Each structure stands twice: as structure tokens, then as C-alpha cells.
Amino acid sequence: MGVIAGFCRGFGQWLFIVGLVAVARRNFTESKDWHPKLREMALPFYLIHQWVNNPVIAGLLWVPYLRSFPIVLVITSVLAISFAYLITKSGPLRYFFGLPPPKGCCLPGKKMRGFLPVIILAVIEVLVLVLANSL
């Protein structure tokens, strides 16, 4: 009985989410000026939020009044949003976070049909793995 109840509960939660999306699509039809910037920041935020969370939470666990969930959530969110905003303004660095580089940028380049940065990152990753496993 527990499996069926869990399935029904999960199905009901997904139906609730679908309903919220439908209501939002119907009621929020006009685009704001800041929507494109938030859409642009979404991928860098997703890619770096865990890299921000781990060291911040490790540091905040040593301070009793800062280790509560709301404080950690606010601090890590502000830091991750700030880093995501800086990445969107960084010029060529944008390319490595899935964003289109600015006009006239050297990345991804014409050599090797644009795969040169990927190959360089792969070589760096292999070197890091070799060094980490040999020490």
C-alpha cells in the first residue's frame, strides 16, 4: 500500500506543478526588461552553485549562528548570483559556461572547427587527474 500511496502522492505533486505552469503562462504574458538577463544567468548559476555551496557551507558550519538553513541559503544564493552575473559580463570567459561569446572574440575560433578550447580543457583535465592520482 505504501508504494501506491507514494506513487499517487508524486503524481499529484507533478499535476500541481503543471497547473502552476499553466496559470503562470496565462497570467504572466508580458516580458520585463530584466528577463533576458536572468535567462542568460541561469546556466552559469546552475554550473557554479554547487562550487559555491560546498566551501561556504564548510566554513559556516564552524559559526553556530550562521549555520542555520535560511542564513546559508541567503549567503550562497547571493554569492552564486553574483558570480553568475560576473560570468555573463566577462567577455571570452562566457564561452566556457555555455553562453555565446561577444562579437569579435577569439573563442571558439576557426582552428579545428571551433573545438580547440574543448581539446585544451580536456588536456588540462587529464593532466589534473594524472597529477592527483600520482601524488
C-alpha atoms as a PDB file:
ATOM      1  CA  MET A   1       0.000   0.000   0.000  1.00  0.00           C
ATOM      2  CA  GLY A   2       2.931   2.333   0.675  1.00  0.00           C
ATOM      3  CA  VAL A   3       4.214   2.126  -2.900  1.00  0.00           C
ATOM      4  CA  ILE A   4       0.816   3.006  -4.393  1.00  0.00           C
ATOM      5  CA  ALA A   5       0.363   5.879  -1.941  1.00  0.00           C
ATOM      6  CA  GLY A   6       3.831   7.212  -2.772  1.00  0.00           C
ATOM      7  CA  PHE A   7       3.132   6.969  -6.494  1.00  0.00           C
ATOM      8  CA  CYS A   8      -0.186   8.811  -6.114  1.00  0.00           C
ATOM      9  CA  ARG A   9       1.451  11.486  -3.997  1.00  0.00           C
ATOM     10  CA  GLY A  10       4.243  12.028  -6.556  1.00  0.00           C
ATOM     11  CA  PHE A  11       1.742  12.103  -9.414  1.00  0.00           C
ATOM     12  CA  GLY A  12      -0.353  14.668  -7.541  1.00  0.00           C
ATOM     13  CA  GLN A  13       2.708  16.845  -6.947  1.00  0.00           C
ATOM     14  CA  TRP A  14       3.582  16.803 -10.652  1.00  0.00           C
ATOM     15  CA  LEU A  15      -0.008  17.700 -11.547  1.00  0.00           C
ATOM     16  CA  PHE A  16       0.239  20.634  -9.129  1.00  0.00           C
ATOM     17  CA  ILE A  17       3.434  21.827 -10.835  1.00  0.00           C
ATOM     18  CA  VAL A  18       1.844  21.519 -14.275  1.00  0.00           C
ATOM     19  CA  GLY A  19      -1.136  23.522 -13.004  1.00  0.00           C
ATOM     20  CA  LEU A  20       1.149  26.255 -11.651  1.00  0.00           C
ATOM     21  CA  VAL A  21       2.934  26.484 -15.010  1.00  0.00           C
ATOM     22  CA  ALA A  22      -0.415  26.750 -16.820  1.00  0.00           C
ATOM     23  CA  VAL A  23      -1.612  29.527 -14.502  1.00  0.00           C
ATOM     24  CA  ALA A  24       1.705  31.374 -14.870  1.00  0.00           C
ATOM     25  CA  ARG A  25       1.569  31.119 -18.685  1.00  0.00           C
ATOM     26  CA  ARG A  26      -1.933  32.542 -18.719  1.00  0.00           C
ATOM     27  CA  ASN A  27      -1.395  35.372 -16.218  1.00  0.00           C
ATOM     28  CA  PHE A  28       2.197  36.468 -16.848  1.00  0.00           C
ATOM     29  CA  THR A  29       2.295  37.232 -20.557  1.00  0.00           C
ATOM     30  CA  GLU A  30       4.308  40.460 -20.769  1.00  0.00           C
ATOM     31  CA  SER A  31       8.083  40.336 -20.729  1.00  0.00           C
ATOM     32  CA  LYS A  32      10.089  42.592 -18.430  1.00  0.00           C
ATOM     33  CA  ASP A  33      13.424  44.248 -19.246  1.00  0.00           C
ATOM     34  CA  TRP A  34      15.331  42.075 -16.763  1.00  0.00           C
ATOM     35  CA  HIS A  35      14.028  38.702 -18.026  1.00  0.00           C
ATOM     36  CA  PRO A  36      16.700  38.245 -20.740  1.00  0.00           C
ATOM     37  CA  LYS A  37      19.488  38.908 -18.217  1.00  0.00           C
ATOM     38  CA  LEU A  38      18.065  36.332 -15.795  1.00  0.00           C
ATOM     39  CA  ARG A  39      17.720  33.797 -18.618  1.00  0.00           C
ATOM     40  CA  GLU A  40      21.345  34.422 -19.542  1.00  0.00           C
ATOM     41  CA  MET A  41      22.467  33.993 -15.927  1.00  0.00           C
ATOM     42  CA  ALA A  42      20.567  30.710 -15.441  1.00  0.00           C
ATOM     43  CA  LEU A  43      23.151  28.345 -16.956  1.00  0.00           C
ATOM     44  CA  PRO A  44      26.216  29.866 -15.220  1.00  0.00           C
ATOM     45  CA  PHE A  45      24.257  29.868 -11.947  1.00  0.00           C
ATOM     46  CA  TYR A  46      23.410  26.203 -12.374  1.00  0.00           C
ATOM     47  CA  LEU A  47      27.014  25.300 -13.223  1.00  0.00           C
ATOM     48  CA  ILE A  48      28.652  27.125 -10.296  1.00  0.00           C
ATOM     49  CA  HIS A  49      26.122  26.983  -7.470  1.00  0.00           C
ATOM     50  CA  GLN A  50      27.468  23.726  -6.040  1.00  0.00           C
ATOM     51  CA  TRP A  51      31.044  25.013  -6.243  1.00  0.00           C
ATOM     52  CA  VAL A  52      29.901  27.995  -4.183  1.00  0.00           C
ATOM     53  CA  ASN A  53      27.796  25.966  -1.743  1.00  0.00           C
ATOM     54  CA  ASN A  54      30.451  23.479  -0.636  1.00  0.00           C
ATOM     55  CA  PRO A  55      33.167  25.840   0.655  1.00  0.00           C
ATOM     56  CA  VAL A  56      30.685  28.346   2.080  1.00  0.00           C
ATOM     57  CA  ILE A  57      28.764  25.686   3.989  1.00  0.00           C
ATOM     58  CA  ALA A  58      32.010  24.105   5.198  1.00  0.00           C
ATOM     59  CA  GLY A  59      33.079  27.480   6.565  1.00  0.00           C
ATOM     60  CA  LEU A  60      29.710  28.436   8.015  1.00  0.00           C
ATOM     61  CA  LEU A  61      29.372  25.186   9.951  1.00  0.00           C
ATOM     62  CA  TRP A  62      32.047  26.480  12.315  1.00  0.00           C
ATOM     63  CA  VAL A  63      29.922  29.502  13.297  1.00  0.00           C
ATOM     64  CA  PRO A  64      26.851  28.445  15.294  1.00  0.00           C
ATOM     65  CA  TYR A  65      24.504  31.312  14.422  1.00  0.00           C
ATOM     66  CA  LEU A  66      25.399  31.201  10.695  1.00  0.00           C
ATOM     67  CA  ARG A  67      24.811  27.504  10.101  1.00  0.00           C
ATOM     68  CA  SER A  68      21.017  27.693  10.041  1.00  0.00           C
ATOM     69  CA  PHE A  69      19.452  26.887   6.673  1.00  0.00           C
ATOM     70  CA  PRO A  70      17.956  30.351   5.924  1.00  0.00           C
ATOM     71  CA  ILE A  71      21.280  32.107   6.534  1.00  0.00           C
ATOM     72  CA  VAL A  72      23.192  29.578   4.421  1.00  0.00           C
ATOM     73  CA  LEU A  73      20.584  29.851   1.656  1.00  0.00           C
ATOM     74  CA  VAL A  74      20.796  33.651   1.531  1.00  0.00           C
ATOM     75  CA  ILE A  75      24.597  33.794   1.607  1.00  0.00           C
ATOM     76  CA  THR A  76      25.156  31.085  -1.005  1.00  0.00           C
ATOM     77  CA  SER A  77      22.403  32.449  -3.269  1.00  0.00           C
ATOM     78  CA  VAL A  78      23.837  35.966  -3.207  1.00  0.00           C
ATOM     79  CA  LEU A  79      27.333  34.646  -3.945  1.00  0.00           C
ATOM     80  CA  ALA A  80      26.215  32.316  -6.759  1.00  0.00           C
ATOM     81  CA  ILE A  81      24.069  35.033  -8.363  1.00  0.00           C
ATOM     82  CA  SER A  82      26.968  37.479  -8.128  1.00  0.00           C
ATOM     83  CA  PHE A  83      29.376  35.025  -9.756  1.00  0.00           C
ATOM     84  CA  ALA A  84      26.826  34.199 -12.476  1.00  0.00           C
ATOM     85  CA  TYR A  85      26.395  37.916 -13.206  1.00  0.00           C
ATOM     86  CA  LEU A  86      30.166  38.409 -13.392  1.00  0.00           C
ATOM     87  CA  ILE A  87      30.454  35.465 -15.771  1.00  0.00           C
ATOM     88  CA  THR A  88      27.853  36.990 -18.102  1.00  0.00           C
ATOM     89  CA  LYS A  89      29.876  40.217 -18.146  1.00  0.00           C
ATOM     90  CA  SER A  90      33.273  38.532 -18.512  1.00  0.00           C
ATOM     91  CA  GLY A  91      33.691  38.526 -22.283  1.00  0.00           C
ATOM     92  CA  PRO A  92      35.547  35.449 -23.611  1.00  0.00           C
ATOM     93  CA  LEU A  93      35.032  33.505 -20.351  1.00  0.00           C
ATOM     94  CA  ARG A  94      31.322  33.285 -21.213  1.00  0.00           C
ATOM     95  CA  TYR A  95      32.124  30.647 -23.814  1.00  0.00           C
ATOM     96  CA  PHE A  96      33.174  28.109 -21.166  1.00  0.00           C
ATOM     97  CA  PHE A  97      29.787  28.428 -19.427  1.00  0.00           C
ATOM     98  CA  GLY A  98      27.671  27.725 -22.489  1.00  0.00           C
ATOM     99  CA  LEU A  99      26.997  31.357 -23.407  1.00  0.00           C
ATOM    100  CA  PRO A 100      27.724  32.891 -26.794  1.00  0.00           C
ATOM    101  CA  PRO A 101      30.982  34.863 -26.764  1.00  0.00           C
ATOM    102  CA  PRO A 102      30.898  38.566 -27.649  1.00  0.00           C
ATOM    103  CA  LYS A 103      31.307  39.694 -31.262  1.00  0.00           C
ATOM    104  CA  GLY A 104      34.885  39.587 -32.477  1.00  0.00           C
ATOM    105  CA  CYS A 105      36.005  37.229 -29.715  1.00  0.00           C
ATOM    106  CA  CYS A 106      38.781  34.721 -30.377  1.00  0.00           C
ATOM    107  CA  LEU A 107      36.711  31.867 -28.910  1.00  0.00           C
ATOM    108  CA  PRO A 108      35.785  29.310 -30.110  1.00  0.00           C
ATOM    109  CA  GLY A 109      37.964  30.198 -33.086  1.00  0.00           C
ATOM    110  CA  LYS A 110      38.311  28.842 -36.596  1.00  0.00           C
ATOM    111  CA  LYS A 111      41.076  26.295 -35.952  1.00  0.00           C
ATOM    112  CA  MET A 112      39.934  22.699 -35.675  1.00  0.00           C
ATOM    113  CA  ARG A 113      36.389  23.852 -36.453  1.00  0.00           C
ATOM    114  CA  GLY A 114      35.989  25.505 -33.055  1.00  0.00           C
ATOM    115  CA  PHE A 115      36.997  22.520 -30.937  1.00  0.00           C
ATOM    116  CA  LEU A 116      40.365  23.898 -29.830  1.00  0.00           C
ATOM    117  CA  PRO A 117      39.093  25.194 -26.427  1.00  0.00           C
ATOM    118  CA  VAL A 118      37.427  21.840 -25.738  1.00  0.00           C
ATOM    119  CA  ILE A 119      40.634  19.976 -26.531  1.00  0.00           C
ATOM    120  CA  ILE A 120      42.668  22.339 -24.329  1.00  0.00           C
ATOM    121  CA  LEU A 121      40.240  21.815 -21.432  1.00  0.00           C
ATOM    122  CA  ALA A 122      40.363  18.037 -21.956  1.00  0.00           C
ATOM    123  CA  VAL A 123      44.186  18.067 -21.853  1.00  0.00           C
ATOM    124  CA  ILE A 124      44.106  20.161 -18.659  1.00  0.00           C
ATOM    125  CA  GLU A 125      41.630  17.715 -17.109  1.00  0.00           C
ATOM    126  CA  VAL A 126      43.804  14.740 -17.987  1.00  0.00           C
ATOM    127  CA  LEU A 127      46.856  16.465 -16.507  1.00  0.00           C
ATOM    128  CA  VAL A 128      44.953  17.251 -13.290  1.00  0.00           C
ATOM    129  CA  LEU A 129      43.757  13.651 -12.994  1.00  0.00           C
ATOM    130  CA  VAL A 130      47.234  12.260 -13.624  1.00  0.00           C
ATOM    131  CA  LEU A 131      48.805  14.602 -11.085  1.00  0.00           C
ATOM    132  CA  ALA A 132      46.088  13.992  -8.495  1.00  0.00           C
ATOM    133  CA  ASN A 133      46.399  10.224  -8.755  1.00  0.00           C
ATOM    134  CA  SER A 134      50.175  10.142  -8.778  1.00  0.00           C
ATOM    135  CA  LEU A 135      50.729  12.199  -5.619  1.00  0.00           C
END
